[in-house]
Structures are given as C-alpha cells and as structure tokens.
PDB file of N, CA and C in Angstrom:
ATOM      1  N   MET A   1      87.263 265.107 195.419  1.00  0.00           N
ATOM      2  CA  MET A   1      87.206 265.707 194.304  1.00  0.00           C
ATOM      3  C   MET A   1      87.755 267.323 194.639  1.00  0.00           C
ATOM      4  N   LYS A   2      88.522 267.969 193.796  1.00  0.00           N
ATOM      5  CA  LYS A   2      89.107 268.919 194.039  1.00  0.00           C
ATOM      6  C   LYS A   2      88.023 269.881 193.941  1.00  0.00           C
ATOM      7  N   THR A   3      88.048 270.929 194.506  1.00  0.00           N
ATOM      8  CA  THR A   3      86.846 272.303 194.147  1.00  0.00           C
ATOM      9  C   THR A   3      87.437 273.125 193.264  1.00  0.00           C
ATOM     10  N   ALA A   4      86.691 274.061 192.810  1.00  0.00           N
ATOM     11  CA  ALA A   4      87.013 275.228 191.715  1.00  0.00           C
ATOM     12  C   ALA A   4      86.186 276.455 192.152  1.00  0.00           C
ATOM     13  N   THR A   5      86.640 277.365 191.709  1.00  0.00           N
ATOM     14  CA  THR A   5      85.649 278.754 192.273  1.00  0.00           C
ATOM     15  C   THR A   5      85.168 279.402 190.763  1.00  0.00           C
ATOM     16  N   PHE A   6      84.045 280.139 191.053  1.00  0.00           N
ATOM     17  CA  PHE A   6      83.663 280.836 190.090  1.00  0.00           C
ATOM     18  C   PHE A   6      84.344 282.477 190.245  1.00  0.00           C
ATOM     19  N   PRO A   7      84.439 282.878 188.853  1.00  0.00           N
ATOM     20  CA  PRO A   7      84.994 284.177 188.944  1.00  0.00           C
ATOM     21  C   PRO A   7      84.141 284.908 189.953  1.00  0.00           C
ATOM     22  N   SER A   8      84.827 286.144 190.215  1.00  0.00           N
ATOM     23  CA  SER A   8      84.398 287.104 191.069  1.00  0.00           C
ATOM     24  C   SER A   8      83.251 288.007 190.137  1.00  0.00           C
ATOM     25  N   LEU A   9      82.323 288.293 191.023  1.00  0.00           N
ATOM     26  CA  LEU A   9      81.049 289.105 190.428  1.00  0.00           C
ATOM     27  C   LEU A   9      80.880 290.383 190.985  1.00  0.00           C
ATOM     28  N   ARG A  10      80.932 291.310 190.406  1.00  0.00           N
ATOM     29  CA  ARG A  10      80.686 292.964 190.506  1.00  0.00           C
ATOM     30  C   ARG A  10      79.394 293.045 190.374  1.00  0.00           C
ATOM     31  N   VAL A  11      78.679 293.543 191.451  1.00  0.00           N
ATOM     32  CA  VAL A  11      77.391 293.885 191.580  1.00  0.00           C
ATOM     33  C   VAL A  11      77.189 295.161 192.123  1.00  0.00           C
ATOM     34  N   THR A  12      76.211 295.852 192.050  1.00  0.00           N
ATOM     35  CA  THR A  12      75.621 297.167 192.719  1.00  0.00           C
ATOM     36  C   THR A  12      75.341 296.939 194.194  1.00  0.00           C
ATOM     37  N   PRO A  13      75.856 297.890 194.828  1.00  0.00           N
ATOM     38  CA  PRO A  13      75.657 297.670 196.254  1.00  0.00           C
ATOM     39  C   PRO A  13      74.164 297.669 196.639  1.00  0.00           C
ATOM     40  N   GLU A  14      73.165 297.832 195.891  1.00  0.00           N
ATOM     41  CA  GLU A  14      71.721 297.497 196.220  1.00  0.00           C
ATOM     42  C   GLU A  14      71.653 296.235 195.729  1.00  0.00           C
ATOM     43  N   LEU A  15      72.088 295.629 194.712  1.00  0.00           N
ATOM     44  CA  LEU A  15      71.739 294.446 194.475  1.00  0.00           C
ATOM     45  C   LEU A  15      72.285 293.413 195.788  1.00  0.00           C
ATOM     46  N   ARG A  16      73.453 293.662 196.193  1.00  0.00           N
ATOM     47  CA  ARG A  16      74.007 292.984 197.122  1.00  0.00           C
ATOM     48  C   ARG A  16      73.235 293.116 198.641  1.00  0.00           C
ATOM     49  N   GLN A  17      72.604 294.438 198.748  1.00  0.00           N
ATOM     50  CA  GLN A  17      72.047 294.654 200.176  1.00  0.00           C
ATOM     51  C   GLN A  17      70.535 293.650 199.702  1.00  0.00           C
ATOM     52  N   ALA A  18      70.086 293.806 198.577  1.00  0.00           N
ATOM     53  CA  ALA A  18      68.747 293.054 198.357  1.00  0.00           C
ATOM     54  C   ALA A  18      69.171 291.414 198.579  1.00  0.00           C
ATOM     55  N   ALA A  19      70.027 291.006 198.227  1.00  0.00           N
ATOM     56  CA  ALA A  19      70.312 289.691 198.405  1.00  0.00           C
ATOM     57  C   ALA A  19      70.707 289.037 199.846  1.00  0.00           C
ATOM     58  N   GLU A  20      71.345 290.013 200.631  1.00  0.00           N
ATOM     59  CA  GLU A  20      71.481 289.861 202.122  1.00  0.00           C
ATOM     60  C   GLU A  20      70.082 289.829 202.693  1.00  0.00           C
ATOM     61  N   GLN A  21      69.480 290.682 202.146  1.00  0.00           N
ATOM     62  CA  GLN A  21      68.111 290.830 203.264  1.00  0.00           C
ATOM     63  C   GLN A  21      67.332 289.798 203.000  1.00  0.00           C
ATOM     64  N   ILE A  22      67.229 288.904 202.013  1.00  0.00           N
ATOM     65  CA  ILE A  22      66.420 287.755 201.875  1.00  0.00           C
ATOM     66  C   ILE A  22      67.137 286.347 202.104  1.00  0.00           C
ATOM     67  N   LEU A  23      68.471 286.675 202.732  1.00  0.00           N
ATOM     68  CA  LEU A  23      68.959 285.032 203.075  1.00  0.00           C
ATOM     69  C   LEU A  23      68.008 284.464 204.413  1.00  0.00           C
ATOM     70  N   GLN A  24      68.159 283.230 204.372  1.00  0.00           N
ATOM     71  CA  GLN A  24      67.479 282.660 205.406  1.00  0.00           C
ATOM     72  C   GLN A  24      68.461 282.335 206.680  1.00  0.00           C
ATOM     73  N   GLU A  25      67.749 281.903 207.826  1.00  0.00           N
ATOM     74  CA  GLU A  25      68.642 281.855 208.719  1.00  0.00           C
ATOM     75  C   GLU A  25      69.733 280.604 208.717  1.00  0.00           C
ATOM     76  N   GLY A  26      71.071 281.063 208.851  1.00  0.00           N
ATOM     77  CA  GLY A  26      72.271 280.032 208.712  1.00  0.00           C
ATOM     78  C   GLY A  26      72.540 280.160 207.122  1.00  0.00           C
ATOM     79  N   GLU A  27      71.941 281.157 206.161  1.00  0.00           N
ATOM     80  CA  GLU A  27      72.451 280.825 204.922  1.00  0.00           C
ATOM     81  C   GLU A  27      73.631 282.210 204.885  1.00  0.00           C
ATOM     82  N   THR A  28      74.495 281.788 203.911  1.00  0.00           N
ATOM     83  CA  THR A  28      75.505 282.697 203.705  1.00  0.00           C
ATOM     84  C   THR A  28      75.298 282.957 202.133  1.00  0.00           C
ATOM     85  N   LEU A  29      75.798 284.469 202.197  1.00  0.00           N
ATOM     86  CA  LEU A  29      75.720 284.819 200.574  1.00  0.00           C
ATOM     87  C   LEU A  29      76.152 283.899 199.762  1.00  0.00           C
ATOM     88  N   SER A  30      77.384 283.441 200.073  1.00  0.00           N
ATOM     89  CA  SER A  30      78.194 282.468 199.104  1.00  0.00           C
ATOM     90  C   SER A  30      77.043 280.938 198.777  1.00  0.00           C
ATOM     91  N   SER A  31      76.529 280.744 200.025  1.00  0.00           N
ATOM     92  CA  SER A  31      75.713 279.466 199.652  1.00  0.00           C
ATOM     93  C   SER A  31      74.360 279.757 198.860  1.00  0.00           C
ATOM     94  N   PHE A  32      74.042 281.027 199.002  1.00  0.00           N
ATOM     95  CA  PHE A  32      72.724 281.556 197.875  1.00  0.00           C
ATOM     96  C   PHE A  32      73.109 281.614 196.944  1.00  0.00           C
ATOM     97  N   VAL A  33      74.434 282.172 196.342  1.00  0.00           N
ATOM     98  CA  VAL A  33      74.919 282.175 195.204  1.00  0.00           C
ATOM     99  C   VAL A  33      75.118 280.850 194.469  1.00  0.00           C
ATOM    100  N   GLU A  34      75.634 279.827 195.504  1.00  0.00           N
ATOM    101  CA  GLU A  34      75.841 278.391 194.661  1.00  0.00           C
ATOM    102  C   GLU A  34      74.737 277.867 194.408  1.00  0.00           C
ATOM    103  N   GLN A  35      73.558 278.117 195.293  1.00  0.00           N
ATOM    104  CA  GLN A  35      72.049 277.524 195.082  1.00  0.00           C
ATOM    105  C   GLN A  35      71.393 278.240 193.677  1.00  0.00           C
ATOM    106  N   SER A  36      71.628 279.269 193.716  1.00  0.00           N
ATOM    107  CA  SER A  36      71.127 280.193 192.559  1.00  0.00           C
ATOM    108  C   SER A  36      71.789 279.654 191.329  1.00  0.00           C
ATOM    109  N   ILE A  37      73.234 279.425 191.219  1.00  0.00           N
ATOM    110  CA  ILE A  37      73.638 278.812 190.059  1.00  0.00           C
ATOM    111  C   ILE A  37      73.361 277.453 189.842  1.00  0.00           C
ATOM    112  N   ARG A  38      73.228 276.445 190.895  1.00  0.00           N
ATOM    113  CA  ARG A  38      72.618 275.217 190.605  1.00  0.00           C
ATOM    114  C   ARG A  38      71.190 275.149 189.960  1.00  0.00           C
ATOM    115  N   GLU A  39      70.238 276.026 190.521  1.00  0.00           N
ATOM    116  CA  GLU A  39      69.048 276.210 190.189  1.00  0.00           C
ATOM    117  C   GLU A  39      68.656 276.621 188.787  1.00  0.00           C
ATOM    118  N   GLY A  40      69.816 277.487 188.461  1.00  0.00           N
ATOM    119  CA  GLY A  40      69.600 277.889 187.015  1.00  0.00           C
ATOM    120  C   GLY A  40      70.130 277.333 185.798  1.00  0.00           C
ATOM    121  N   ILE A  41      71.314 276.349 186.293  1.00  0.00           N
ATOM    122  CA  ILE A  41      71.875 275.289 185.385  1.00  0.00           C
ATOM    123  C   ILE A  41      70.773 274.163 185.202  1.00  0.00           C
ATOM    124  N   GLU A  42      69.961 273.582 186.593  1.00  0.00           N
ATOM    125  CA  GLU A  42      68.933 272.650 186.277  1.00  0.00           C
ATOM    126  C   GLU A  42      67.740 273.089 185.392  1.00  0.00           C
ATOM    127  N   ARG A  43      67.383 274.496 185.515  1.00  0.00           N
ATOM    128  CA  ARG A  43      66.211 275.149 184.932  1.00  0.00           C
ATOM    129  C   ARG A  43      66.706 275.305 183.365  1.00  0.00           C
ATOM    130  N   ARG A  44      67.937 275.537 182.894  1.00  0.00           N
ATOM    131  CA  ARG A  44      68.416 275.262 181.562  1.00  0.00           C
ATOM    132  C   ARG A  44      68.621 273.962 181.195  1.00  0.00           C
ATOM    133  N   GLN A  45      68.826 273.077 182.027  1.00  0.00           N
ATOM    134  CA  GLN A  45      68.993 271.496 181.524  1.00  0.00           C
ATOM    135  C   GLN A  45      67.663 271.235 181.121  1.00  0.00           C
ATOM    136  N   VAL A  46      66.626 271.487 181.763  1.00  0.00           N
ATOM    137  CA  VAL A  46      65.335 271.090 181.648  1.00  0.00           C
ATOM    138  C   VAL A  46      64.772 271.674 180.499  1.00  0.00           C
ATOM    139  N   ARG A  47      65.085 272.890 180.286  1.00  0.00           N
ATOM    140  CA  ARG A  47      64.352 273.288 179.202  1.00  0.00           C
ATOM    141  C   ARG A  47      64.919 272.856 177.803  1.00  0.00           C
ATOM    142  N   GLN A  48      66.274 272.500 177.874  1.00  0.00           N
ATOM    143  CA  GLN A  48      67.192 271.716 176.777  1.00  0.00           C
ATOM    144  C   GLN A  48      66.422 270.605 176.324  1.00  0.00           C
ATOM    145  N   GLU A  49      66.194 269.788 177.576  1.00  0.00           N
ATOM    146  CA  GLU A  49      65.636 268.751 177.233  1.00  0.00           C
ATOM    147  C   GLU A  49      64.207 268.660 176.672  1.00  0.00           C
ATOM    148  N   PHE A  50      63.274 269.680 177.326  1.00  0.00           N
ATOM    149  CA  PHE A  50      62.154 269.592 176.438  1.00  0.00           C
ATOM    150  C   PHE A  50      62.262 270.290 174.987  1.00  0.00           C
ATOM    151  N   ILE A  51      63.036 271.018 174.820  1.00  0.00           N
ATOM    152  CA  ILE A  51      63.061 271.426 173.353  1.00  0.00           C
ATOM    153  C   ILE A  51      63.550 270.030 172.406  1.00  0.00           C
ATOM    154  N   ALA A  52      64.507 269.598 172.987  1.00  0.00           N
ATOM    155  CA  ALA A  52      64.690 268.253 172.276  1.00  0.00           C
ATOM    156  C   ALA A  52      63.422 267.272 172.075  1.00  0.00           C
ATOM    157  N   ARG A  53      63.000 266.988 173.008  1.00  0.00           N
ATOM    158  CA  ARG A  53      61.914 266.143 172.838  1.00  0.00           C
ATOM    159  C   ARG A  53      60.817 266.900 171.915  1.00  0.00           C
ATOM    160  N   GLY A  54      60.442 268.046 171.750  1.00  0.00           N
ATOM    161  CA  GLY A  54      59.768 268.817 170.897  1.00  0.00           C
ATOM    162  C   GLY A  54      60.194 268.644 169.551  1.00  0.00           C
ATOM    163  N   LEU A  55      61.412 268.726 169.306  1.00  0.00           N
ATOM    164  CA  LEU A  55      61.942 268.531 168.146  1.00  0.00           C
ATOM    165  C   LEU A  55      62.027 267.416 167.497  1.00  0.00           C
ATOM    166  N   ARG A  56      62.202 266.141 168.354  1.00  0.00           N
ATOM    167  CA  ARG A  56      62.160 264.774 168.099  1.00  0.00           C
ATOM    168  C   ARG A  56      60.771 264.525 167.516  1.00  0.00           C
ATOM    169  N   SER A  57      59.838 264.772 168.364  1.00  0.00           N
ATOM    170  CA  SER A  57      58.527 264.597 168.323  1.00  0.00           C
ATOM    171  C   SER A  57      58.042 265.359 166.797  1.00  0.00           C
ATOM    172  N   ARG A  58      58.460 266.456 166.672  1.00  0.00           N
ATOM    173  CA  ARG A  58      58.132 267.109 165.255  1.00  0.00           C
ATOM    174  C   ARG A  58      58.705 266.371 164.037  1.00  0.00           C
ATOM    175  N   ASP A  59      60.127 265.767 164.536  1.00  0.00           N
ATOM    176  CA  ASP A  59      60.678 264.979 163.164  1.00  0.00           C
ATOM    177  C   ASP A  59      59.749 263.933 162.986  1.00  0.00           C
ATOM    178  N   GLU A  60      59.571 263.191 163.888  1.00  0.00           N
ATOM    179  CA  GLU A  60      58.631 261.668 163.986  1.00  0.00           C
ATOM    180  C   GLU A  60      57.393 262.119 162.998  1.00  0.00           C
ATOM    181  N   ALA A  61      56.558 263.124 163.707  1.00  0.00           N
ATOM    182  CA  ALA A  61      55.260 263.429 163.053  1.00  0.00           C
ATOM    183  C   ALA A  61      55.604 263.723 161.520  1.00  0.00           C
ATOM    184  N   ARG A  62      56.618 264.392 161.085  1.00  0.00           N
ATOM    185  CA  ARG A  62      56.740 264.719 159.814  1.00  0.00           C
ATOM    186  C   ARG A  62      57.070 263.385 158.966  1.00  0.00           C
ATOM    187  N   GLN A  63      57.851 262.549 159.462  1.00  0.00           N
ATOM    188  CA  GLN A  63      58.082 261.014 159.038  1.00  0.00           C
ATOM    189  C   GLN A  63      57.056 260.326 158.681  1.00  0.00           C
ATOM    190  N   THR A  64      56.143 259.982 159.932  1.00  0.00           N
ATOM    191  CA  THR A  64      55.104 259.159 159.858  1.00  0.00           C
ATOM    192  C   THR A  64      53.897 259.989 159.308  1.00  0.00           C
ATOM    193  N   GLY A  65      54.010 261.204 159.367  1.00  0.00           N
ATOM    194  CA  GLY A  65      52.931 261.817 158.850  1.00  0.00           C
ATOM    195  C   GLY A  65      51.438 261.718 159.860  1.00  0.00           C
ATOM    196  N   LYS A  66      51.606 261.301 160.858  1.00  0.00           N
ATOM    197  CA  LYS A  66      50.846 261.507 162.267  1.00  0.00           C
ATOM    198  C   LYS A  66      51.028 262.262 163.066  1.00  0.00           C
ATOM    199  N   TYR A  67      50.051 263.308 163.189  1.00  0.00           N
ATOM    200  CA  TYR A  67      49.811 264.374 163.826  1.00  0.00           C
ATOM    201  C   TYR A  67      48.560 264.197 164.793  1.00  0.00           C
ATOM    202  N   ALA A  68      48.597 264.851 166.072  1.00  0.00           N
ATOM    203  CA  ALA A  68      47.617 265.229 166.970  1.00  0.00           C
ATOM    204  C   ALA A  68      46.741 266.309 166.378  1.00  0.00           C
ATOM    205  N   SER A  69      45.429 266.327 166.826  1.00  0.00           N
ATOM    206  CA  SER A  69      44.616 267.522 166.592  1.00  0.00           C
ATOM    207  C   SER A  69      44.747 268.445 167.769  1.00  0.00           C
ATOM    208  N   ALA A  70      44.911 269.720 167.484  1.00  0.00           N
ATOM    209  CA  ALA A  70      44.813 270.644 168.790  1.00  0.00           C
ATOM    210  C   ALA A  70      43.649 270.218 169.645  1.00  0.00           C
ATOM    211  N   ASP A  71      42.551 270.081 169.040  1.00  0.00           N
ATOM    212  CA  ASP A  71      41.454 269.758 169.843  1.00  0.00           C
ATOM    213  C   ASP A  71      41.691 268.553 170.921  1.00  0.00           C
ATOM    214  N   ALA A  72      42.140 267.378 170.251  1.00  0.00           N
ATOM    215  CA  ALA A  72      42.516 266.199 170.911  1.00  0.00           C
ATOM    216  C   ALA A  72      43.588 266.584 172.128  1.00  0.00           C
ATOM    217  N   VAL A  73      44.623 267.445 171.859  1.00  0.00           N
ATOM    218  CA  VAL A  73      45.727 267.668 172.804  1.00  0.00           C
ATOM    219  C   VAL A  73      44.933 268.505 173.756  1.00  0.00           C
ATOM    220  N   ILE A  74      44.007 269.405 173.768  1.00  0.00           N
ATOM    221  CA  ILE A  74      43.408 270.193 174.617  1.00  0.00           C
ATOM    222  C   ILE A  74      42.545 269.287 175.435  1.00  0.00           C
ATOM    223  N   GLY A  75      41.923 268.465 174.998  1.00  0.00           N
ATOM    224  CA  GLY A  75      41.167 267.743 175.446  1.00  0.00           C
ATOM    225  C   GLY A  75      41.673 266.912 176.692  1.00  0.00           C
ATOM    226  N   ARG A  76      42.849 266.308 176.129  1.00  0.00           N
ATOM    227  CA  ARG A  76      43.574 265.722 177.033  1.00  0.00           C
ATOM    228  C   ARG A  76      43.976 266.229 178.282  1.00  0.00           C
ATOM    229  N   LEU A  77      44.799 267.455 178.038  1.00  0.00           N
ATOM    230  CA  LEU A  77      45.103 268.345 179.053  1.00  0.00           C
ATOM    231  C   LEU A  77      44.003 268.817 180.058  1.00  0.00           C
ATOM    232  N   GLU A  78      42.668 269.223 179.427  1.00  0.00           N
ATOM    233  CA  GLU A  78      41.813 269.249 180.540  1.00  0.00           C
ATOM    234  C   GLU A  78      41.524 267.907 181.271  1.00  0.00           C
ATOM    235  N   ARG A  79      41.486 266.924 180.863  1.00  0.00           N
ATOM    236  CA  ARG A  79      41.209 265.676 181.530  1.00  0.00           C
ATOM    237  C   ARG A  79      42.209 265.651 182.478  1.00  0.00           C
ATOM    238  N   MET A  80      43.480 265.852 182.204  1.00  0.00           N
ATOM    239  CA  MET A  80      44.637 265.734 183.352  1.00  0.00           C
ATOM    240  C   MET A  80      44.456 266.941 184.000  1.00  0.00           C
ATOM    241  N   LEU A  81      44.334 267.869 183.982  1.00  0.00           N
ATOM    242  CA  LEU A  81      43.782 269.138 185.039  1.00  0.00           C
ATOM    243  C   LEU A  81      42.716 268.490 185.963  1.00  0.00           C
ATOM    244  N   ALA A  82      41.656 268.100 185.347  1.00  0.00           N
ATOM    245  CA  ALA A  82      40.491 267.766 186.257  1.00  0.00           C
ATOM    246  C   ALA A  82      40.871 266.578 187.164  1.00  0.00           C
ATOM    247  N   THR A  83      41.735 265.657 186.704  1.00  0.00           N
ATOM    248  CA  THR A  83      42.070 264.556 187.431  1.00  0.00           C
ATOM    249  C   THR A  83      42.952 265.192 188.570  1.00  0.00           C
ATOM    250  N   ALA A  84      43.843 266.165 188.324  1.00  0.00           N
ATOM    251  CA  ALA A  84      44.703 266.587 189.196  1.00  0.00           C
ATOM    252  C   ALA A  84      43.936 267.464 190.180  1.00  0.00           C
ATOM    253  N   LYS A  85      42.961 268.179 189.801  1.00  0.00           N
ATOM    254  CA  LYS A  85      42.051 268.737 190.771  1.00  0.00           C
ATOM    255  C   LYS A  85      41.335 267.963 191.879  1.00  0.00           C
ATOM    256  N   GLY A  86      41.386 266.757 191.443  1.00  0.00           N
ATOM    257  CA  GLY A  86      40.438 265.731 192.077  1.00  0.00           C
ATOM    258  C   GLY A  86      39.177 265.632 191.320  1.00  0.00           C
ATOM    259  N   GLY A  87      38.400 266.025 190.357  1.00  0.00           N
ATOM    260  CA  GLY A  87      37.629 265.843 189.851  1.00  0.00           C
ATOM    261  C   GLY A  87      37.722 264.751 188.369  1.00  0.00           C
ATOM    262  N   LYS A  88      36.472 264.643 187.755  1.00  0.00           N
ATOM    263  CA  LYS A  88      36.618 263.647 186.603  1.00  0.00           C
ATOM    264  C   LYS A  88      36.194 264.533 185.580  1.00  0.00           C
TER     265      LYS A  88
END
C-alpha cells in the first residue's frame, strides 16, 4: 500500500520541547505524533459509536414505550462495580 503524509504542523518551541522530553526510549517525534493521531481517531470512533447506540436506544424506547428507571440502572451499575471489585 502506498503511504501518505500529514500536513506540516507548526507549533511553539515550548510544545515541541515538551513532546521531545516525554518520548520513550527509541521513540521518535514522528512515531509519537502518528500514535497520538491513531489514538485520537480511535477515541472519536468509540465516542461516535457510543452516541449512535444511545440514540438507537432512545428511539427504541420511544417506539416501544419501555424505559428503565434510574433506580434500576444505578442498581445494576452498583452490582457490576461490586463484582468488578471482587465483592458481591
């Protein structure tokens, strides 16, 4: 597959220095920027999917008239948290 490039990015000297200071061993500034872009894309995709699921759920609840009470949802979340912490 042919590769492409991102546009040049102008930043303040302070931002560049801060980025260079946190690079891990063997990591280049270019690889850091690429990884940051990948992670940003992934976060936005996850957020978009989350919103889409929420909107579908809202629409389904409106159509069916079946809603979950806040108390039931919070109770379920508390049980899930207790289970994750190793308790019951």
